[in-house]
Amino acid sequence: MYRMRVKRIFFAAASVGASLAIASAAPLLAQSGAKGGEWRSYGGDLGHTRYSPLDQINASNFGKLEIAWRFKTDSLGPRPEYQFESTPLMIKGVVYSTAGSRRAVIALDAATGEMLWMHSENEGARGAAAPRQLSGRGLAYWSDGGNDDRTASSI
């Protein structure tokens, strides 16, 4: 009985030590943020920091910012979407987002706002009966590091 109790205490102490080691390493990994002005995943980076280390915008020039472009989603479904909520991705100069009441996925030129492509599925009766009728909120991006880049909608 004594040996069993010692083993349990040792296991519990080892588990706590491993947890502390992981917890202490996590902030170091999570502080990097999105790199190179890109937003490749829902939270900005794999650490989900929602942080970009870009410093072009600061307190002295914030008031001078101007709108570079707008993209209207009116034509991406049978009715306008007034509560549009999306977390777009920005990869290699392309902004990817969900848009419109048909739950389309769009790709926009980040510099000009020009639509490069749009994809949506004709969901028929299933789409008409879906509890979530509008565009959805986010996308995922995957790359093999070469020429195979893919986006997928979470709608």
N, C-alpha and C. Protein backbone atom coordinates (compact mmCIF):
# COMPACT_ATOMS: atom_id res chain seq x y z
N MET A 1 0.82 -1.18 0.00
CA MET A 1 0.00 0.00 0.00
C MET A 1 0.88 1.26 0.00
N TYR A 2 1.97 1.25 0.74
CA TYR A 2 2.87 2.38 0.80
C TYR A 2 3.49 2.65 -0.58
N ARG A 3 3.93 1.61 -1.30
CA ARG A 3 4.51 1.78 -2.63
C ARG A 3 3.52 2.41 -3.59
N MET A 4 2.29 1.96 -3.54
CA MET A 4 1.28 2.49 -4.45
C MET A 4 1.07 3.99 -4.20
N ARG A 5 1.03 4.39 -2.94
CA ARG A 5 0.84 5.79 -2.59
C ARG A 5 2.02 6.63 -3.08
N VAL A 6 3.23 6.14 -2.95
CA VAL A 6 4.42 6.84 -3.41
C VAL A 6 4.37 7.01 -4.93
N LYS A 7 3.97 5.97 -5.65
CA LYS A 7 3.87 6.06 -7.11
C LYS A 7 2.86 7.13 -7.52
N ARG A 8 1.73 7.17 -6.84
CA ARG A 8 0.71 8.18 -7.16
C ARG A 8 1.24 9.59 -6.93
N ILE A 9 1.91 9.81 -5.82
CA ILE A 9 2.46 11.13 -5.52
C ILE A 9 3.51 11.51 -6.55
N PHE A 10 4.39 10.59 -6.91
CA PHE A 10 5.42 10.87 -7.91
C PHE A 10 4.78 11.21 -9.25
N PHE A 11 3.76 10.44 -9.65
CA PHE A 11 3.08 10.69 -10.93
C PHE A 11 2.42 12.06 -10.93
N ALA A 12 1.75 12.39 -9.81
CA ALA A 12 1.09 13.70 -9.72
C ALA A 12 2.11 14.82 -9.78
N ALA A 13 3.23 14.67 -9.10
CA ALA A 13 4.27 15.70 -9.12
C ALA A 13 4.86 15.84 -10.52
N ALA A 14 5.07 14.74 -11.21
CA ALA A 14 5.61 14.78 -12.57
C ALA A 14 4.62 15.47 -13.51
N SER A 15 3.33 15.20 -13.33
CA SER A 15 2.31 15.82 -14.17
C SER A 15 2.28 17.33 -13.96
N VAL A 16 2.33 17.76 -12.71
CA VAL A 16 2.33 19.19 -12.39
C VAL A 16 3.57 19.84 -12.97
N GLY A 17 4.73 19.20 -12.82
CA GLY A 17 5.97 19.74 -13.37
C GLY A 17 5.91 19.89 -14.87
N ALA A 18 5.35 18.90 -15.56
CA ALA A 18 5.22 18.98 -17.02
C ALA A 18 4.27 20.09 -17.41
N SER A 19 3.17 20.23 -16.66
CA SER A 19 2.20 21.29 -16.95
C SER A 19 2.83 22.66 -16.78
N LEU A 20 3.62 22.83 -15.71
CA LEU A 20 4.28 24.11 -15.50
C LEU A 20 5.29 24.41 -16.60
N ALA A 21 6.00 23.40 -17.05
CA ALA A 21 6.97 23.60 -18.13
C ALA A 21 6.26 24.02 -19.41
N ILE A 22 5.14 23.39 -19.72
CA ILE A 22 4.38 23.76 -20.92
C ILE A 22 3.81 25.16 -20.78
N ALA A 23 3.24 25.46 -19.62
CA ALA A 23 2.64 26.77 -19.40
C ALA A 23 3.68 27.88 -19.47
N SER A 24 4.88 27.63 -18.97
CA SER A 24 5.90 28.67 -19.00
C SER A 24 6.45 28.87 -20.41
N ALA A 25 6.38 27.86 -21.27
CA ALA A 25 6.86 28.00 -22.64
C ALA A 25 5.81 28.63 -23.54
N ALA A 26 4.54 28.50 -23.20
CA ALA A 26 3.46 29.00 -24.05
C ALA A 26 3.55 30.50 -24.33
N PRO A 27 3.77 31.37 -23.34
CA PRO A 27 3.85 32.80 -23.66
C PRO A 27 4.97 33.13 -24.64
N LEU A 28 6.07 32.41 -24.58
CA LEU A 28 7.17 32.68 -25.50
C LEU A 28 6.75 32.38 -26.94
N LEU A 29 6.00 31.31 -27.14
CA LEU A 29 5.55 30.95 -28.47
C LEU A 29 4.44 31.88 -28.95
N ALA A 30 3.59 32.31 -28.06
CA ALA A 30 2.40 33.07 -28.43
C ALA A 30 2.69 34.54 -28.72
N GLN A 31 3.86 35.03 -28.42
CA GLN A 31 4.13 36.45 -28.58
C GLN A 31 4.59 36.85 -29.98
N SER A 32 4.77 35.91 -30.89
CA SER A 32 5.30 36.26 -32.20
C SER A 32 4.28 36.99 -33.06
N GLY A 33 3.03 36.61 -33.01
CA GLY A 33 2.01 37.27 -33.80
C GLY A 33 2.11 36.95 -35.27
N ALA A 34 1.20 37.54 -36.05
CA ALA A 34 1.17 37.34 -37.50
C ALA A 34 2.42 37.96 -38.11
N LYS A 35 3.04 37.27 -39.03
CA LYS A 35 4.31 37.72 -39.60
C LYS A 35 4.12 38.30 -41.00
N GLY A 36 4.93 39.29 -41.32
CA GLY A 36 4.98 39.84 -42.66
C GLY A 36 3.70 40.52 -43.14
N GLY A 37 2.87 40.97 -42.23
CA GLY A 37 1.63 41.64 -42.62
C GLY A 37 0.54 40.69 -43.07
N GLU A 38 0.78 39.40 -42.94
CA GLU A 38 -0.23 38.43 -43.36
C GLU A 38 -1.03 37.94 -42.16
N TRP A 39 -2.24 37.52 -42.41
CA TRP A 39 -3.15 36.99 -41.40
C TRP A 39 -3.60 35.64 -41.92
N ARG A 40 -2.78 34.58 -41.68
CA ARG A 40 -2.97 33.28 -42.32
C ARG A 40 -3.96 32.36 -41.63
N SER A 41 -4.37 32.67 -40.42
CA SER A 41 -5.34 31.83 -39.74
C SER A 41 -6.30 32.70 -38.94
N TYR A 42 -7.37 32.09 -38.48
CA TYR A 42 -8.46 32.83 -37.82
C TYR A 42 -7.96 33.77 -36.73
N GLY A 43 -7.02 33.34 -35.93
CA GLY A 43 -6.50 34.18 -34.86
C GLY A 43 -5.24 34.94 -35.23
N GLY A 44 -4.92 34.99 -36.51
CA GLY A 44 -3.74 35.70 -36.97
C GLY A 44 -2.54 34.80 -37.17
N ASP A 45 -2.32 33.89 -36.22
CA ASP A 45 -1.21 32.94 -36.31
C ASP A 45 -1.62 31.66 -35.60
N LEU A 46 -0.77 30.67 -35.61
CA LEU A 46 -1.13 29.39 -34.99
C LEU A 46 -1.24 29.48 -33.47
N GLY A 47 -0.64 30.50 -32.86
CA GLY A 47 -0.79 30.74 -31.43
C GLY A 47 -2.08 31.47 -31.10
N HIS A 48 -2.84 31.85 -32.11
CA HIS A 48 -4.12 32.57 -31.98
C HIS A 48 -3.95 33.85 -31.15
N THR A 49 -2.88 34.60 -31.44
CA THR A 49 -2.57 35.80 -30.66
C THR A 49 -3.42 37.01 -31.06
N ARG A 50 -3.97 36.98 -32.28
CA ARG A 50 -4.72 38.14 -32.81
C ARG A 50 -3.85 39.40 -32.74
N TYR A 51 -2.58 39.23 -33.06
CA TYR A 51 -1.62 40.32 -32.95
C TYR A 51 -0.75 40.36 -34.19
N SER A 52 -0.49 41.56 -34.67
CA SER A 52 0.44 41.75 -35.76
C SER A 52 1.48 42.77 -35.30
N PRO A 53 2.76 42.47 -35.45
CA PRO A 53 3.80 43.38 -34.97
C PRO A 53 4.05 44.57 -35.91
N LEU A 54 3.17 44.81 -36.86
CA LEU A 54 3.37 45.93 -37.78
C LEU A 54 3.32 47.25 -37.01
N ASP A 55 4.15 48.20 -37.42
CA ASP A 55 4.20 49.47 -36.70
C ASP A 55 4.00 50.68 -37.61
N GLN A 56 3.41 50.48 -38.79
CA GLN A 56 3.19 51.61 -39.70
C GLN A 56 2.12 52.56 -39.16
N ILE A 57 1.16 52.04 -38.43
CA ILE A 57 0.11 52.86 -37.85
C ILE A 57 0.44 53.06 -36.38
N ASN A 58 0.48 54.33 -35.96
CA ASN A 58 0.79 54.63 -34.57
C ASN A 58 -0.05 55.82 -34.12
N ALA A 59 0.13 56.27 -32.91
CA ALA A 59 -0.69 57.35 -32.35
C ALA A 59 -0.55 58.64 -33.15
N SER A 60 0.61 58.91 -33.74
CA SER A 60 0.80 60.17 -34.45
C SER A 60 0.14 60.21 -35.83
N ASN A 61 -0.07 59.05 -36.46
CA ASN A 61 -0.67 59.08 -37.80
C ASN A 61 -2.06 58.43 -37.86
N PHE A 62 -2.55 57.94 -36.75
CA PHE A 62 -3.84 57.27 -36.73
C PHE A 62 -4.97 58.15 -37.27
N GLY A 63 -4.99 59.41 -36.88
CA GLY A 63 -6.03 60.35 -37.30
C GLY A 63 -5.98 60.69 -38.79
N LYS A 64 -4.92 60.37 -39.46
CA LYS A 64 -4.76 60.69 -40.89
C LYS A 64 -5.11 59.50 -41.80
N LEU A 65 -5.51 58.37 -41.21
CA LEU A 65 -5.85 57.20 -42.02
C LEU A 65 -7.04 57.49 -42.92
N GLU A 66 -7.02 56.93 -44.11
CA GLU A 66 -8.13 57.06 -45.06
C GLU A 66 -8.53 55.68 -45.54
N ILE A 67 -9.77 55.55 -45.98
CA ILE A 67 -10.26 54.29 -46.52
C ILE A 67 -9.59 54.05 -47.86
N ALA A 68 -8.95 52.91 -48.02
CA ALA A 68 -8.25 52.59 -49.27
C ALA A 68 -9.23 52.06 -50.31
N TRP A 69 -10.17 51.23 -49.92
CA TRP A 69 -11.18 50.70 -50.82
C TRP A 69 -12.31 50.07 -50.01
N ARG A 70 -13.45 49.88 -50.67
CA ARG A 70 -14.60 49.20 -50.08
C ARG A 70 -15.05 48.11 -51.03
N PHE A 71 -15.63 47.07 -50.46
CA PHE A 71 -16.18 45.99 -51.28
C PHE A 71 -17.61 45.74 -50.85
N LYS A 72 -18.53 45.92 -51.77
CA LYS A 72 -19.94 45.73 -51.47
C LYS A 72 -20.34 44.28 -51.78
N THR A 73 -21.09 43.68 -50.88
CA THR A 73 -21.51 42.29 -51.04
C THR A 73 -22.97 42.18 -51.47
N ASP A 74 -23.59 43.28 -51.89
CA ASP A 74 -25.01 43.29 -52.25
C ASP A 74 -25.37 42.26 -53.32
N SER A 75 -24.47 42.06 -54.27
CA SER A 75 -24.77 41.18 -55.40
C SER A 75 -24.44 39.70 -55.12
N LEU A 76 -24.06 39.38 -53.90
CA LEU A 76 -23.67 38.01 -53.57
C LEU A 76 -24.79 37.26 -52.84
N GLY A 77 -25.99 37.40 -53.35
CA GLY A 77 -27.12 36.69 -52.76
C GLY A 77 -28.42 37.40 -53.06
N PRO A 78 -29.54 36.80 -52.69
CA PRO A 78 -30.84 37.37 -53.03
C PRO A 78 -31.21 38.59 -52.20
N ARG A 79 -30.50 38.85 -51.11
CA ARG A 79 -30.80 40.02 -50.29
C ARG A 79 -29.50 40.51 -49.63
N PRO A 80 -29.43 41.80 -49.33
CA PRO A 80 -28.24 42.33 -48.66
C PRO A 80 -28.09 41.74 -47.26
N GLU A 81 -26.87 41.64 -46.81
CA GLU A 81 -26.59 41.15 -45.46
C GLU A 81 -26.18 42.35 -44.62
N TYR A 82 -27.00 42.70 -43.63
CA TYR A 82 -26.75 43.90 -42.84
C TYR A 82 -25.91 43.65 -41.60
N GLN A 83 -25.78 42.42 -41.17
CA GLN A 83 -24.96 42.12 -40.00
C GLN A 83 -23.77 41.28 -40.41
N PHE A 84 -23.07 41.73 -41.42
CA PHE A 84 -21.92 41.00 -41.96
C PHE A 84 -20.82 40.94 -40.92
N GLU A 85 -20.42 39.73 -40.55
CA GLU A 85 -19.33 39.51 -39.61
C GLU A 85 -18.41 38.47 -40.21
N SER A 86 -17.16 38.82 -40.35
CA SER A 86 -16.20 37.89 -40.93
C SER A 86 -14.83 38.19 -40.36
N THR A 87 -14.00 37.19 -40.28
CA THR A 87 -12.60 37.38 -39.95
C THR A 87 -11.81 36.99 -41.19
N PRO A 88 -11.48 37.96 -42.04
CA PRO A 88 -10.79 37.63 -43.29
C PRO A 88 -9.35 37.19 -43.05
N LEU A 89 -8.83 36.50 -44.03
CA LEU A 89 -7.42 36.11 -44.03
C LEU A 89 -6.71 36.97 -45.07
N MET A 90 -5.42 37.22 -44.91
CA MET A 90 -4.63 37.94 -45.90
C MET A 90 -3.35 37.17 -46.13
N ILE A 91 -3.22 36.61 -47.34
CA ILE A 91 -2.08 35.78 -47.67
C ILE A 91 -1.56 36.16 -49.06
N LYS A 92 -0.29 36.47 -49.15
CA LYS A 92 0.35 36.78 -50.42
C LYS A 92 -0.40 37.85 -51.22
N GLY A 93 -0.84 38.90 -50.55
CA GLY A 93 -1.51 40.01 -51.21
C GLY A 93 -2.96 39.75 -51.60
N VAL A 94 -3.55 38.68 -51.08
CA VAL A 94 -4.95 38.36 -51.37
C VAL A 94 -5.72 38.28 -50.06
N VAL A 95 -6.87 38.95 -50.00
CA VAL A 95 -7.77 38.89 -48.85
C VAL A 95 -8.86 37.88 -49.16
N TYR A 96 -9.02 36.89 -48.28
CA TYR A 96 -10.05 35.87 -48.43
C TYR A 96 -11.10 36.10 -47.35
N SER A 97 -12.39 36.00 -47.73
CA SER A 97 -13.45 36.21 -46.76
C SER A 97 -14.70 35.47 -47.18
N THR A 98 -15.59 35.27 -46.21
CA THR A 98 -16.93 34.84 -46.55
C THR A 98 -17.72 36.10 -46.84
N ALA A 99 -18.77 36.00 -47.65
CA ALA A 99 -19.54 37.20 -48.00
C ALA A 99 -20.88 36.83 -48.59
N GLY A 100 -21.87 37.67 -48.36
CA GLY A 100 -23.16 37.54 -49.00
C GLY A 100 -24.06 36.51 -48.37
N SER A 101 -25.36 36.64 -48.65
CA SER A 101 -26.34 35.76 -48.03
C SER A 101 -26.37 34.36 -48.63
N ARG A 102 -25.60 34.12 -49.68
CA ARG A 102 -25.47 32.75 -50.20
C ARG A 102 -24.22 32.05 -49.66
N ARG A 103 -23.60 32.64 -48.67
CA ARG A 103 -22.43 32.07 -47.99
C ARG A 103 -21.28 31.80 -48.97
N ALA A 104 -21.00 32.79 -49.77
CA ALA A 104 -19.92 32.68 -50.74
C ALA A 104 -18.56 32.89 -50.08
N VAL A 105 -17.53 32.42 -50.75
CA VAL A 105 -16.15 32.70 -50.36
C VAL A 105 -15.58 33.57 -51.47
N ILE A 106 -14.94 34.65 -51.09
CA ILE A 106 -14.39 35.58 -52.09
C ILE A 106 -12.89 35.75 -51.87
N ALA A 107 -12.21 36.12 -52.95
CA ALA A 107 -10.79 36.48 -52.90
C ALA A 107 -10.67 37.86 -53.51
N LEU A 108 -10.05 38.78 -52.77
CA LEU A 108 -9.91 40.17 -53.21
C LEU A 108 -8.44 40.54 -53.27
N ASP A 109 -8.09 41.37 -54.25
CA ASP A 109 -6.75 41.93 -54.31
C ASP A 109 -6.61 42.88 -53.12
N ALA A 110 -5.65 42.65 -52.25
CA ALA A 110 -5.51 43.45 -51.03
C ALA A 110 -5.18 44.91 -51.33
N ALA A 111 -4.52 45.20 -52.43
CA ALA A 111 -4.13 46.58 -52.74
C ALA A 111 -5.28 47.38 -53.34
N THR A 112 -6.13 46.73 -54.14
CA THR A 112 -7.16 47.47 -54.87
C THR A 112 -8.60 47.15 -54.45
N GLY A 113 -8.83 46.02 -53.80
CA GLY A 113 -10.18 45.60 -53.44
C GLY A 113 -10.91 44.91 -54.57
N GLU A 114 -10.24 44.72 -55.71
CA GLU A 114 -10.87 44.06 -56.86
C GLU A 114 -11.12 42.59 -56.54
N MET A 115 -12.32 42.10 -56.89
CA MET A 115 -12.63 40.69 -56.66
C MET A 115 -11.89 39.84 -57.69
N LEU A 116 -11.09 38.90 -57.20
CA LEU A 116 -10.34 38.00 -58.06
C LEU A 116 -11.16 36.77 -58.42
N TRP A 117 -11.89 36.24 -57.44
CA TRP A 117 -12.80 35.13 -57.69
C TRP A 117 -13.80 35.02 -56.56
N MET A 118 -14.88 34.29 -56.84
CA MET A 118 -15.93 34.04 -55.87
C MET A 118 -16.39 32.60 -56.05
N HIS A 119 -16.68 31.92 -54.95
CA HIS A 119 -17.19 30.55 -55.02
C HIS A 119 -18.35 30.41 -54.04
N SER A 120 -19.43 29.80 -54.51
CA SER A 120 -20.54 29.46 -53.61
C SER A 120 -21.20 28.20 -54.14
N GLU A 121 -21.81 27.48 -53.25
CA GLU A 121 -22.51 26.25 -53.62
C GLU A 121 -24.00 26.54 -53.71
N ASN A 122 -24.68 25.93 -54.66
CA ASN A 122 -26.13 25.99 -54.72
C ASN A 122 -26.65 24.95 -53.74
N GLU A 123 -27.06 25.39 -52.57
CA GLU A 123 -27.45 24.48 -51.52
C GLU A 123 -28.92 24.08 -51.58
N GLY A 124 -29.68 24.69 -52.45
CA GLY A 124 -31.08 24.31 -52.64
C GLY A 124 -31.90 24.37 -51.36
N ALA A 125 -32.74 23.34 -51.16
CA ALA A 125 -33.63 23.29 -50.00
C ALA A 125 -32.85 23.23 -48.68
N ARG A 126 -31.71 22.55 -48.70
CA ARG A 126 -30.89 22.46 -47.50
C ARG A 126 -30.44 23.85 -47.05
N GLY A 127 -29.99 24.66 -47.99
CA GLY A 127 -29.55 26.01 -47.66
C GLY A 127 -30.69 26.89 -47.20
N ALA A 128 -31.86 26.73 -47.81
CA ALA A 128 -33.03 27.54 -47.42
C ALA A 128 -33.50 27.19 -46.01
N ALA A 129 -33.30 25.94 -45.59
CA ALA A 129 -33.74 25.49 -44.26
C ALA A 129 -32.64 25.59 -43.21
N ALA A 130 -31.43 26.00 -43.59
CA ALA A 130 -30.31 26.06 -42.65
C ALA A 130 -30.59 27.09 -41.55
N PRO A 131 -30.23 26.76 -40.31
CA PRO A 131 -30.46 27.72 -39.22
C PRO A 131 -29.59 28.97 -39.35
N ARG A 132 -28.45 28.86 -40.01
CA ARG A 132 -27.57 30.00 -40.21
C ARG A 132 -27.63 30.37 -41.68
N GLN A 133 -28.32 31.43 -42.01
CA GLN A 133 -28.59 31.79 -43.40
C GLN A 133 -27.52 32.69 -44.03
N LEU A 134 -26.75 33.35 -43.26
CA LEU A 134 -25.88 34.38 -43.83
C LEU A 134 -24.48 33.85 -44.11
N SER A 135 -23.51 34.73 -44.24
CA SER A 135 -22.23 34.40 -44.85
C SER A 135 -21.32 33.49 -44.04
N GLY A 136 -21.52 33.33 -42.79
CA GLY A 136 -20.54 32.58 -42.00
C GLY A 136 -19.48 33.53 -41.48
N ARG A 137 -18.52 33.00 -40.75
CA ARG A 137 -17.58 33.90 -40.08
C ARG A 137 -16.13 33.73 -40.45
N GLY A 138 -15.71 32.59 -40.95
CA GLY A 138 -14.29 32.48 -41.15
C GLY A 138 -13.88 31.42 -42.15
N LEU A 139 -12.60 31.42 -42.42
CA LEU A 139 -11.99 30.53 -43.38
C LEU A 139 -10.76 29.88 -42.77
N ALA A 140 -10.28 28.87 -43.45
CA ALA A 140 -9.01 28.26 -43.08
C ALA A 140 -8.12 28.26 -44.31
N TYR A 141 -6.82 28.30 -44.10
CA TYR A 141 -5.85 28.31 -45.19
C TYR A 141 -4.84 27.21 -44.94
N TRP A 142 -4.44 26.55 -46.01
CA TRP A 142 -3.44 25.49 -45.92
C TRP A 142 -2.51 25.61 -47.12
N SER A 143 -1.23 25.32 -46.91
CA SER A 143 -0.26 25.31 -47.99
C SER A 143 0.74 24.19 -47.75
N ASP A 144 1.20 23.58 -48.84
CA ASP A 144 2.25 22.56 -48.70
C ASP A 144 3.63 23.19 -48.74
N GLY A 145 3.69 24.53 -48.79
CA GLY A 145 4.96 25.23 -48.86
C GLY A 145 5.45 25.42 -50.28
N GLY A 146 4.76 24.81 -51.23
CA GLY A 146 5.12 24.93 -52.64
C GLY A 146 4.03 25.66 -53.39
N ASN A 147 3.47 25.00 -54.39
CA ASN A 147 2.45 25.61 -55.24
C ASN A 147 1.03 25.26 -54.83
N ASP A 148 0.84 24.40 -53.85
CA ASP A 148 -0.48 23.95 -53.47
C ASP A 148 -0.99 24.77 -52.29
N ASP A 149 -1.78 25.81 -52.56
CA ASP A 149 -2.40 26.65 -51.53
C ASP A 149 -3.89 26.43 -51.59
N ARG A 150 -4.54 26.31 -50.43
CA ARG A 150 -5.99 26.07 -50.40
C ARG A 150 -6.64 26.89 -49.30
N THR A 151 -7.87 27.32 -49.56
CA THR A 151 -8.70 27.93 -48.53
C THR A 151 -9.93 27.07 -48.38
N ALA A 152 -10.50 27.07 -47.18
CA ALA A 152 -11.72 26.32 -46.91
C ALA A 152 -12.60 27.16 -46.00
N SER A 153 -13.87 27.17 -46.27
CA SER A 153 -14.81 27.96 -45.49
C SER A 153 -15.32 27.15 -44.30
N SER A 154 -15.59 27.84 -43.21
CA SER A 154 -16.16 27.17 -42.04
C SER A 154 -17.66 27.36 -41.98
N ILE A 155 -18.26 27.60 -43.12
CA ILE A 155 -19.71 27.84 -43.15
C ILE A 155 -20.47 26.56 -43.22
